[in-house]
Amino acid sequence: MDKDYITELISSKLRLIRTESRYTQEKMANVLGISKKTLVQIEKGRSTAGWAHVVAVCALFRNSEVLQSALGDEPLEVIETVAHRSIDRPKGKTLGGRIWWREIERKGEFRLQQNLISYHYRILDSYDDLWFSSFEKKDALARLDELLNENEDR
């Protein structure tokens, strides 16, 4: 997944996200800071939203079932991973990956999961806190080993 793919994907789902939220075109355009004419063009597939507007949609409508099913659970995590190509930060509560994730490997208190939609990887601890996220499996496996070693050294 990359910015272009996500921009196309979210642009194609914008009408569904808007109707799911029961917003008029006028209200949705206002929320996103674009003109109604621009929104209509995006909804009709004549143009695509810009990256900044896609990020805004993912932030403002992160609980949208349409958005979650398009990106696989947590839209902001996918957006952040794409924007930075990986996330490596301690802590950040998740829902634990019971629906959109499959477990790849478990080591100590950490588990590596892969998203069933976006295919990115993440590492969670036993409290479902996010420790790492990347589209690269080798990077995720290396970080899993590092976290395990850091945890054993304590």
N, C-alpha and C. Protein backbone atom coordinates (compact mmCIF):
# COMPACT_ATOMS: atom_id res chain seq x y z
N MET A 1 0.84 -1.19 0.00
CA MET A 1 0.00 0.00 0.00
C MET A 1 0.88 1.23 0.00
N ASP A 2 0.45 2.25 -0.75
CA ASP A 2 1.17 3.51 -0.75
C ASP A 2 0.15 4.65 -0.77
N LYS A 3 0.65 5.87 -0.76
CA LYS A 3 -0.24 7.04 -0.71
C LYS A 3 -1.20 7.08 -1.89
N ASP A 4 -0.70 6.77 -3.08
CA ASP A 4 -1.57 6.82 -4.26
C ASP A 4 -2.71 5.81 -4.16
N TYR A 5 -2.39 4.60 -3.73
CA TYR A 5 -3.41 3.57 -3.59
C TYR A 5 -4.47 3.98 -2.56
N ILE A 6 -4.01 4.46 -1.41
CA ILE A 6 -4.95 4.85 -0.36
C ILE A 6 -5.78 6.06 -0.79
N THR A 7 -5.17 7.00 -1.50
CA THR A 7 -5.91 8.17 -1.99
C THR A 7 -7.02 7.73 -2.93
N GLU A 8 -6.72 6.82 -3.85
CA GLU A 8 -7.73 6.29 -4.77
C GLU A 8 -8.82 5.55 -4.00
N LEU A 9 -8.41 4.71 -3.06
CA LEU A 9 -9.35 3.89 -2.30
C LEU A 9 -10.31 4.75 -1.49
N ILE A 10 -9.77 5.69 -0.73
CA ILE A 10 -10.63 6.53 0.11
C ILE A 10 -11.51 7.43 -0.75
N SER A 11 -10.97 7.94 -1.84
CA SER A 11 -11.77 8.76 -2.76
C SER A 11 -12.97 7.97 -3.27
N SER A 12 -12.75 6.70 -3.59
CA SER A 12 -13.84 5.87 -4.11
C SER A 12 -14.87 5.52 -3.04
N LYS A 13 -14.50 5.61 -1.77
CA LYS A 13 -15.40 5.29 -0.66
C LYS A 13 -16.02 6.52 -0.01
N LEU A 14 -15.65 7.69 -0.47
CA LEU A 14 -16.07 8.93 0.20
C LEU A 14 -17.59 9.08 0.27
N ARG A 15 -18.28 8.76 -0.80
CA ARG A 15 -19.74 8.87 -0.79
C ARG A 15 -20.35 7.93 0.25
N LEU A 16 -19.84 6.70 0.32
CA LEU A 16 -20.35 5.73 1.31
C LEU A 16 -20.07 6.20 2.73
N ILE A 17 -18.89 6.76 2.96
CA ILE A 17 -18.55 7.28 4.29
C ILE A 17 -19.48 8.43 4.65
N ARG A 18 -19.73 9.29 3.67
CA ARG A 18 -20.63 10.44 3.91
C ARG A 18 -22.04 9.97 4.22
N THR A 19 -22.58 9.04 3.42
CA THR A 19 -23.95 8.59 3.66
C THR A 19 -24.06 7.78 4.95
N GLU A 20 -23.02 7.03 5.28
CA GLU A 20 -23.02 6.30 6.55
C GLU A 20 -23.13 7.27 7.72
N SER A 21 -22.50 8.42 7.59
CA SER A 21 -22.54 9.44 8.64
C SER A 21 -23.80 10.31 8.57
N ARG A 22 -24.62 10.07 7.56
CA ARG A 22 -25.86 10.83 7.32
C ARG A 22 -25.58 12.32 7.11
N TYR A 23 -24.49 12.59 6.40
CA TYR A 23 -24.13 13.97 6.07
C TYR A 23 -24.61 14.30 4.67
N THR A 24 -25.03 15.52 4.50
CA THR A 24 -25.31 16.02 3.16
C THR A 24 -23.98 16.31 2.49
N GLN A 25 -24.01 16.51 1.18
CA GLN A 25 -22.78 16.88 0.48
C GLN A 25 -22.26 18.21 1.01
N GLU A 26 -23.16 19.11 1.29
CA GLU A 26 -22.78 20.43 1.81
C GLU A 26 -22.05 20.29 3.15
N LYS A 27 -22.61 19.50 4.05
CA LYS A 27 -21.99 19.33 5.37
C LYS A 27 -20.63 18.62 5.26
N MET A 28 -20.57 17.56 4.44
CA MET A 28 -19.31 16.82 4.29
C MET A 28 -18.23 17.72 3.70
N ALA A 29 -18.58 18.49 2.69
CA ALA A 29 -17.62 19.40 2.08
C ALA A 29 -17.12 20.40 3.12
N ASN A 30 -18.02 20.89 3.93
CA ASN A 30 -17.67 21.84 4.98
C ASN A 30 -16.72 21.22 6.00
N VAL A 31 -17.01 19.99 6.41
CA VAL A 31 -16.18 19.30 7.39
C VAL A 31 -14.77 19.09 6.85
N LEU A 32 -14.67 18.74 5.55
CA LEU A 32 -13.37 18.45 4.95
C LEU A 32 -12.65 19.69 4.44
N GLY A 33 -13.34 20.84 4.43
CA GLY A 33 -12.70 22.07 3.98
C GLY A 33 -12.53 22.14 2.47
N ILE A 34 -13.46 21.51 1.74
CA ILE A 34 -13.45 21.60 0.28
C ILE A 34 -14.79 22.12 -0.19
N SER A 35 -14.86 22.51 -1.44
CA SER A 35 -16.13 22.99 -1.98
C SER A 35 -17.05 21.81 -2.26
N LYS A 36 -18.35 22.09 -2.29
CA LYS A 36 -19.31 21.04 -2.62
C LYS A 36 -19.06 20.53 -4.03
N LYS A 37 -18.68 21.41 -4.93
CA LYS A 37 -18.39 21.03 -6.31
C LYS A 37 -17.23 20.03 -6.36
N THR A 38 -16.19 20.27 -5.58
CA THR A 38 -15.05 19.35 -5.52
C THR A 38 -15.48 18.00 -4.96
N LEU A 39 -16.29 18.02 -3.91
CA LEU A 39 -16.79 16.77 -3.32
C LEU A 39 -17.59 15.98 -4.35
N VAL A 40 -18.44 16.64 -5.09
CA VAL A 40 -19.25 15.98 -6.11
C VAL A 40 -18.33 15.33 -7.16
N GLN A 41 -17.29 16.04 -7.56
CA GLN A 41 -16.34 15.50 -8.55
C GLN A 41 -15.64 14.25 -8.01
N ILE A 42 -15.29 14.27 -6.74
CA ILE A 42 -14.65 13.10 -6.12
C ILE A 42 -15.63 11.94 -6.04
N GLU A 43 -16.85 12.22 -5.59
CA GLU A 43 -17.85 11.16 -5.44
C GLU A 43 -18.22 10.54 -6.78
N LYS A 44 -18.17 11.31 -7.84
CA LYS A 44 -18.49 10.78 -9.18
C LYS A 44 -17.28 10.12 -9.84
N GLY A 45 -16.14 10.13 -9.19
CA GLY A 45 -14.95 9.49 -9.73
C GLY A 45 -14.22 10.29 -10.79
N ARG A 46 -14.54 11.57 -10.89
CA ARG A 46 -13.90 12.44 -11.89
C ARG A 46 -12.59 13.02 -11.40
N SER A 47 -12.40 12.99 -10.08
CA SER A 47 -11.13 13.43 -9.49
C SER A 47 -10.94 12.67 -8.18
N THR A 48 -9.77 12.83 -7.60
CA THR A 48 -9.51 12.17 -6.32
C THR A 48 -9.21 13.23 -5.26
N ALA A 49 -9.43 12.84 -4.04
CA ALA A 49 -9.11 13.72 -2.92
C ALA A 49 -7.60 13.83 -2.81
N GLY A 50 -7.12 14.91 -2.25
CA GLY A 50 -5.69 15.05 -1.98
C GLY A 50 -5.32 14.26 -0.73
N TRP A 51 -4.03 14.01 -0.57
CA TRP A 51 -3.55 13.25 0.58
C TRP A 51 -4.01 13.87 1.90
N ALA A 52 -3.92 15.20 2.01
CA ALA A 52 -4.32 15.86 3.26
C ALA A 52 -5.80 15.60 3.57
N HIS A 53 -6.63 15.59 2.54
CA HIS A 53 -8.06 15.33 2.78
C HIS A 53 -8.31 13.86 3.11
N VAL A 54 -7.54 12.97 2.54
CA VAL A 54 -7.65 11.56 2.87
C VAL A 54 -7.28 11.33 4.34
N VAL A 55 -6.21 11.98 4.77
CA VAL A 55 -5.81 11.89 6.17
C VAL A 55 -6.92 12.45 7.07
N ALA A 56 -7.51 13.56 6.65
CA ALA A 56 -8.61 14.16 7.42
C ALA A 56 -9.80 13.21 7.51
N VAL A 57 -10.15 12.56 6.41
CA VAL A 57 -11.25 11.60 6.42
C VAL A 57 -10.95 10.48 7.40
N CYS A 58 -9.74 9.96 7.35
CA CYS A 58 -9.36 8.85 8.25
C CYS A 58 -9.37 9.28 9.72
N ALA A 59 -9.02 10.51 9.98
CA ALA A 59 -9.03 11.00 11.36
C ALA A 59 -10.45 11.31 11.83
N LEU A 60 -11.20 12.01 11.01
CA LEU A 60 -12.53 12.47 11.42
C LEU A 60 -13.59 11.38 11.39
N PHE A 61 -13.38 10.36 10.56
CA PHE A 61 -14.36 9.29 10.42
C PHE A 61 -13.75 7.94 10.75
N ARG A 62 -12.79 7.91 11.68
CA ARG A 62 -12.04 6.69 12.00
C ARG A 62 -12.93 5.56 12.51
N ASN A 63 -14.12 5.88 13.00
CA ASN A 63 -15.04 4.83 13.48
C ASN A 63 -16.00 4.35 12.40
N SER A 64 -15.86 4.87 11.19
CA SER A 64 -16.71 4.46 10.08
C SER A 64 -16.48 2.99 9.74
N GLU A 65 -17.56 2.24 9.65
CA GLU A 65 -17.44 0.83 9.27
C GLU A 65 -16.95 0.70 7.83
N VAL A 66 -17.36 1.61 6.96
CA VAL A 66 -16.90 1.61 5.58
C VAL A 66 -15.39 1.79 5.53
N LEU A 67 -14.91 2.76 6.27
CA LEU A 67 -13.48 3.05 6.30
C LEU A 67 -12.69 1.90 6.94
N GLN A 68 -13.19 1.38 8.03
CA GLN A 68 -12.50 0.27 8.70
C GLN A 68 -12.44 -0.96 7.81
N SER A 69 -13.52 -1.24 7.08
CA SER A 69 -13.50 -2.42 6.21
C SER A 69 -12.61 -2.19 4.99
N ALA A 70 -12.45 -0.96 4.56
CA ALA A 70 -11.57 -0.66 3.41
C ALA A 70 -10.10 -0.74 3.79
N LEU A 71 -9.77 -0.31 5.01
CA LEU A 71 -8.36 -0.28 5.44
C LEU A 71 -8.01 -1.38 6.43
N GLY A 72 -9.01 -2.00 7.01
CA GLY A 72 -8.73 -3.08 7.93
C GLY A 72 -8.52 -2.63 9.35
N ASP A 73 -9.57 -2.23 10.01
CA ASP A 73 -9.58 -1.95 11.44
C ASP A 73 -9.26 -0.52 11.79
N GLU A 74 -8.00 -0.14 11.90
CA GLU A 74 -7.66 1.16 12.46
C GLU A 74 -7.08 2.07 11.38
N PRO A 75 -7.94 2.92 10.78
CA PRO A 75 -7.51 3.77 9.66
C PRO A 75 -6.29 4.64 9.97
N LEU A 76 -6.23 5.21 11.14
CA LEU A 76 -5.11 6.10 11.45
C LEU A 76 -3.79 5.35 11.53
N GLU A 77 -3.82 4.11 11.99
CA GLU A 77 -2.60 3.32 12.03
C GLU A 77 -2.09 3.04 10.61
N VAL A 78 -3.01 2.70 9.71
CA VAL A 78 -2.63 2.44 8.32
C VAL A 78 -2.06 3.72 7.70
N ILE A 79 -2.73 4.84 7.89
CA ILE A 79 -2.29 6.12 7.33
C ILE A 79 -0.91 6.49 7.86
N GLU A 80 -0.74 6.35 9.17
CA GLU A 80 0.55 6.70 9.78
C GLU A 80 1.67 5.78 9.27
N THR A 81 1.37 4.51 9.12
CA THR A 81 2.37 3.57 8.63
C THR A 81 2.75 3.89 7.19
N VAL A 82 1.78 4.21 6.36
CA VAL A 82 2.06 4.58 4.97
C VAL A 82 2.86 5.88 4.92
N ALA A 83 2.46 6.86 5.69
CA ALA A 83 3.13 8.17 5.66
C ALA A 83 4.60 8.07 6.08
N HIS A 84 4.87 7.29 7.10
CA HIS A 84 6.23 7.19 7.63
C HIS A 84 6.96 5.95 7.15
N ARG A 85 6.26 5.05 6.46
CA ARG A 85 6.74 3.74 6.01
C ARG A 85 6.95 2.77 7.17
N SER A 86 6.87 3.26 8.40
CA SER A 86 6.84 2.39 9.57
C SER A 86 6.53 3.25 10.79
N ILE A 87 6.15 2.58 11.85
CA ILE A 87 5.91 3.24 13.14
C ILE A 87 6.74 2.49 14.16
N ASP A 88 7.52 3.19 14.92
CA ASP A 88 8.28 2.55 15.98
C ASP A 88 8.21 3.45 17.21
N ARG A 89 7.16 3.26 17.96
CA ARG A 89 6.95 4.07 19.14
C ARG A 89 6.36 3.19 20.24
N PRO A 90 6.74 3.41 21.43
CA PRO A 90 6.17 2.60 22.49
C PRO A 90 4.76 3.06 22.84
N LYS A 91 3.96 2.10 23.10
CA LYS A 91 2.62 2.27 23.66
C LYS A 91 1.65 3.01 22.74
N GLY A 92 0.47 2.67 22.86
CA GLY A 92 -0.66 3.19 22.13
C GLY A 92 -1.69 2.08 22.10
N LYS A 93 -2.75 2.23 22.82
CA LYS A 93 -3.75 1.18 23.00
C LYS A 93 -4.44 0.84 21.68
N THR A 94 -4.59 -0.47 21.43
CA THR A 94 -5.34 -0.97 20.27
C THR A 94 -6.48 -1.84 20.77
N LEU A 95 -7.27 -2.35 19.87
CA LEU A 95 -8.35 -3.25 20.24
C LEU A 95 -7.89 -4.70 20.29
N GLY A 96 -6.62 -4.94 19.98
CA GLY A 96 -6.06 -6.28 20.12
C GLY A 96 -6.09 -7.13 18.87
N GLY A 97 -6.72 -6.66 17.82
CA GLY A 97 -6.68 -7.37 16.55
C GLY A 97 -7.53 -8.61 16.47
N ARG A 98 -8.69 -8.58 17.06
CA ARG A 98 -9.52 -9.78 17.08
C ARG A 98 -10.26 -10.02 15.76
N ILE A 99 -10.42 -8.98 14.93
CA ILE A 99 -11.19 -9.15 13.70
C ILE A 99 -10.34 -9.02 12.45
N TRP A 100 -9.58 -7.96 12.31
CA TRP A 100 -8.89 -7.65 11.06
C TRP A 100 -7.45 -8.14 11.02
N TRP A 101 -7.03 -8.90 11.98
CA TRP A 101 -5.62 -9.27 12.10
C TRP A 101 -5.45 -10.76 12.26
N ARG A 102 -4.33 -11.28 11.73
CA ARG A 102 -3.95 -12.66 12.01
C ARG A 102 -2.59 -12.64 12.70
N GLU A 103 -2.45 -13.54 13.65
CA GLU A 103 -1.20 -13.61 14.38
C GLU A 103 -0.16 -14.36 13.55
N ILE A 104 1.01 -13.74 13.43
CA ILE A 104 2.11 -14.34 12.68
C ILE A 104 3.05 -15.08 13.63
N GLU A 105 3.38 -14.42 14.73
CA GLU A 105 4.33 -15.01 15.68
C GLU A 105 4.13 -14.40 17.05
N ARG A 106 4.42 -15.19 18.08
CA ARG A 106 4.34 -14.72 19.46
C ARG A 106 5.67 -15.04 20.13
N LYS A 107 6.24 -14.02 20.79
CA LYS A 107 7.49 -14.21 21.54
C LYS A 107 7.36 -13.46 22.85
N GLY A 108 7.45 -14.20 23.94
CA GLY A 108 7.32 -13.58 25.25
C GLY A 108 5.98 -12.87 25.36
N GLU A 109 6.02 -11.62 25.80
CA GLU A 109 4.78 -10.87 25.95
C GLU A 109 4.36 -10.14 24.67
N PHE A 110 5.12 -10.33 23.58
CA PHE A 110 4.84 -9.62 22.33
C PHE A 110 4.29 -10.57 21.27
N ARG A 111 3.45 -10.02 20.39
CA ARG A 111 2.95 -10.80 19.27
C ARG A 111 2.98 -9.95 18.00
N LEU A 112 3.33 -10.60 16.92
CA LEU A 112 3.37 -9.97 15.61
C LEU A 112 2.09 -10.35 14.88
N GLN A 113 1.39 -9.32 14.36
CA GLN A 113 0.16 -9.55 13.63
C GLN A 113 0.28 -8.94 12.23
N GLN A 114 -0.53 -9.47 11.30
CA GLN A 114 -0.62 -8.89 9.97
C GLN A 114 -2.07 -8.54 9.69
N ASN A 115 -2.29 -7.35 9.16
CA ASN A 115 -3.63 -6.89 8.82
C ASN A 115 -4.13 -7.65 7.59
N LEU A 116 -5.36 -8.10 7.64
CA LEU A 116 -5.93 -8.90 6.55
C LEU A 116 -6.29 -8.06 5.33
N ILE A 117 -6.41 -6.76 5.49
CA ILE A 117 -6.77 -5.89 4.37
C ILE A 117 -5.55 -5.16 3.82
N SER A 118 -4.85 -4.42 4.66
CA SER A 118 -3.71 -3.62 4.20
C SER A 118 -2.42 -4.43 4.13
N TYR A 119 -2.38 -5.57 4.82
CA TYR A 119 -1.22 -6.46 4.88
C TYR A 119 -0.03 -5.88 5.63
N HIS A 120 -0.21 -4.78 6.37
CA HIS A 120 0.92 -4.30 7.15
C HIS A 120 1.02 -5.09 8.45
N TYR A 121 2.18 -5.01 9.05
CA TYR A 121 2.49 -5.76 10.26
C TYR A 121 2.53 -4.83 11.45
N ARG A 122 2.23 -5.38 12.62
CA ARG A 122 2.37 -4.61 13.85
C ARG A 122 2.72 -5.55 14.98
N ILE A 123 3.34 -4.94 16.01
CA ILE A 123 3.70 -5.69 17.21
C ILE A 123 2.92 -5.10 18.38
N LEU A 124 2.24 -5.99 19.10
CA LEU A 124 1.48 -5.60 20.29
C LEU A 124 2.06 -6.34 21.49
N ASP A 125 1.91 -5.73 22.66
CA ASP A 125 2.29 -6.43 23.88
C ASP A 125 1.06 -7.13 24.46
N SER A 126 1.20 -7.74 25.60
CA SER A 126 0.10 -8.49 26.21
C SER A 126 -1.05 -7.60 26.67
N TYR A 127 -0.84 -6.28 26.71
CA TYR A 127 -1.88 -5.33 27.07
C TYR A 127 -2.54 -4.71 25.84
N ASP A 128 -2.21 -5.21 24.64
CA ASP A 128 -2.71 -4.72 23.36
C ASP A 128 -2.20 -3.33 23.03
N ASP A 129 -1.06 -2.95 23.59
CA ASP A 129 -0.42 -1.68 23.24
C ASP A 129 0.42 -1.88 21.99
N LEU A 130 0.37 -0.90 21.10
CA LEU A 130 1.13 -0.94 19.86
C LEU A 130 2.57 -0.52 20.11
N TRP A 131 3.52 -1.32 19.61
CA TRP A 131 4.94 -1.02 19.76
C TRP A 131 5.62 -0.74 18.43
N PHE A 132 5.11 -1.31 17.36
CA PHE A 132 5.77 -1.16 16.07
C PHE A 132 4.77 -1.48 14.97
N SER A 133 4.95 -0.82 13.81
CA SER A 133 4.11 -1.09 12.65
C SER A 133 4.91 -0.81 11.39
N SER A 134 4.80 -1.71 10.41
CA SER A 134 5.55 -1.56 9.16
C SER A 134 4.93 -2.42 8.08
N PHE A 135 5.20 -2.07 6.84
CA PHE A 135 4.79 -2.93 5.73
C PHE A 135 5.83 -3.99 5.43
N GLU A 136 6.97 -3.92 6.08
CA GLU A 136 8.07 -4.85 5.83
C GLU A 136 8.11 -5.93 6.91
N LYS A 137 7.88 -7.18 6.51
CA LYS A 137 7.87 -8.28 7.47
C LYS A 137 9.22 -8.46 8.13
N LYS A 138 10.32 -8.34 7.35
CA LYS A 138 11.65 -8.54 7.93
C LYS A 138 11.94 -7.49 9.00
N ASP A 139 11.50 -6.26 8.78
CA ASP A 139 11.69 -5.21 9.79
C ASP A 139 10.88 -5.51 11.04
N ALA A 140 9.67 -6.02 10.85
CA ALA A 140 8.81 -6.34 11.99
C ALA A 140 9.39 -7.51 12.79
N LEU A 141 9.88 -8.52 12.11
CA LEU A 141 10.50 -9.65 12.81
C LEU A 141 11.76 -9.24 13.56
N ALA A 142 12.56 -8.37 12.94
CA ALA A 142 13.78 -7.88 13.60
C ALA A 142 13.41 -7.08 14.84
N ARG A 143 12.39 -6.23 14.73
CA ARG A 143 11.97 -5.41 15.88
C ARG A 143 11.38 -6.29 16.98
N LEU A 144 10.66 -7.36 16.60
CA LEU A 144 10.12 -8.29 17.58
C LEU A 144 11.25 -8.90 18.41
N ASP A 145 12.32 -9.32 17.74
CA ASP A 145 13.48 -9.87 18.45
C ASP A 145 14.12 -8.83 19.36
N GLU A 146 14.26 -7.59 18.85
CA GLU A 146 14.84 -6.51 19.67
C GLU A 146 14.01 -6.26 20.92
N LEU A 147 12.69 -6.19 20.75
CA LEU A 147 11.81 -5.95 21.90
C LEU A 147 11.91 -7.08 22.92
N LEU A 148 11.97 -8.29 22.44
CA LEU A 148 12.09 -9.44 23.33
C LEU A 148 13.40 -9.37 24.12
N ASN A 149 14.50 -9.05 23.43
CA ASN A 149 15.80 -8.93 24.09
C ASN A 149 15.83 -7.77 25.09
N GLU A 150 15.25 -6.63 24.71
CA GLU A 150 15.19 -5.48 25.63
C GLU A 150 14.38 -5.84 26.87
N ASN A 151 13.29 -6.56 26.68
CA ASN A 151 12.43 -6.94 27.79
C ASN A 151 13.11 -7.94 28.71
N GLU A 152 13.91 -8.85 28.14
CA GLU A 152 14.63 -9.85 28.94
C GLU A 152 15.76 -9.22 29.74
N ASP A 153 16.33 -8.12 29.20
CA ASP A 153 17.43 -7.44 29.90
C ASP A 153 16.96 -6.67 31.13
N ARG A 154 15.68 -6.44 31.23
CA ARG A 154 15.18 -5.65 32.38
C ARG A 154 15.07 -6.45 33.61
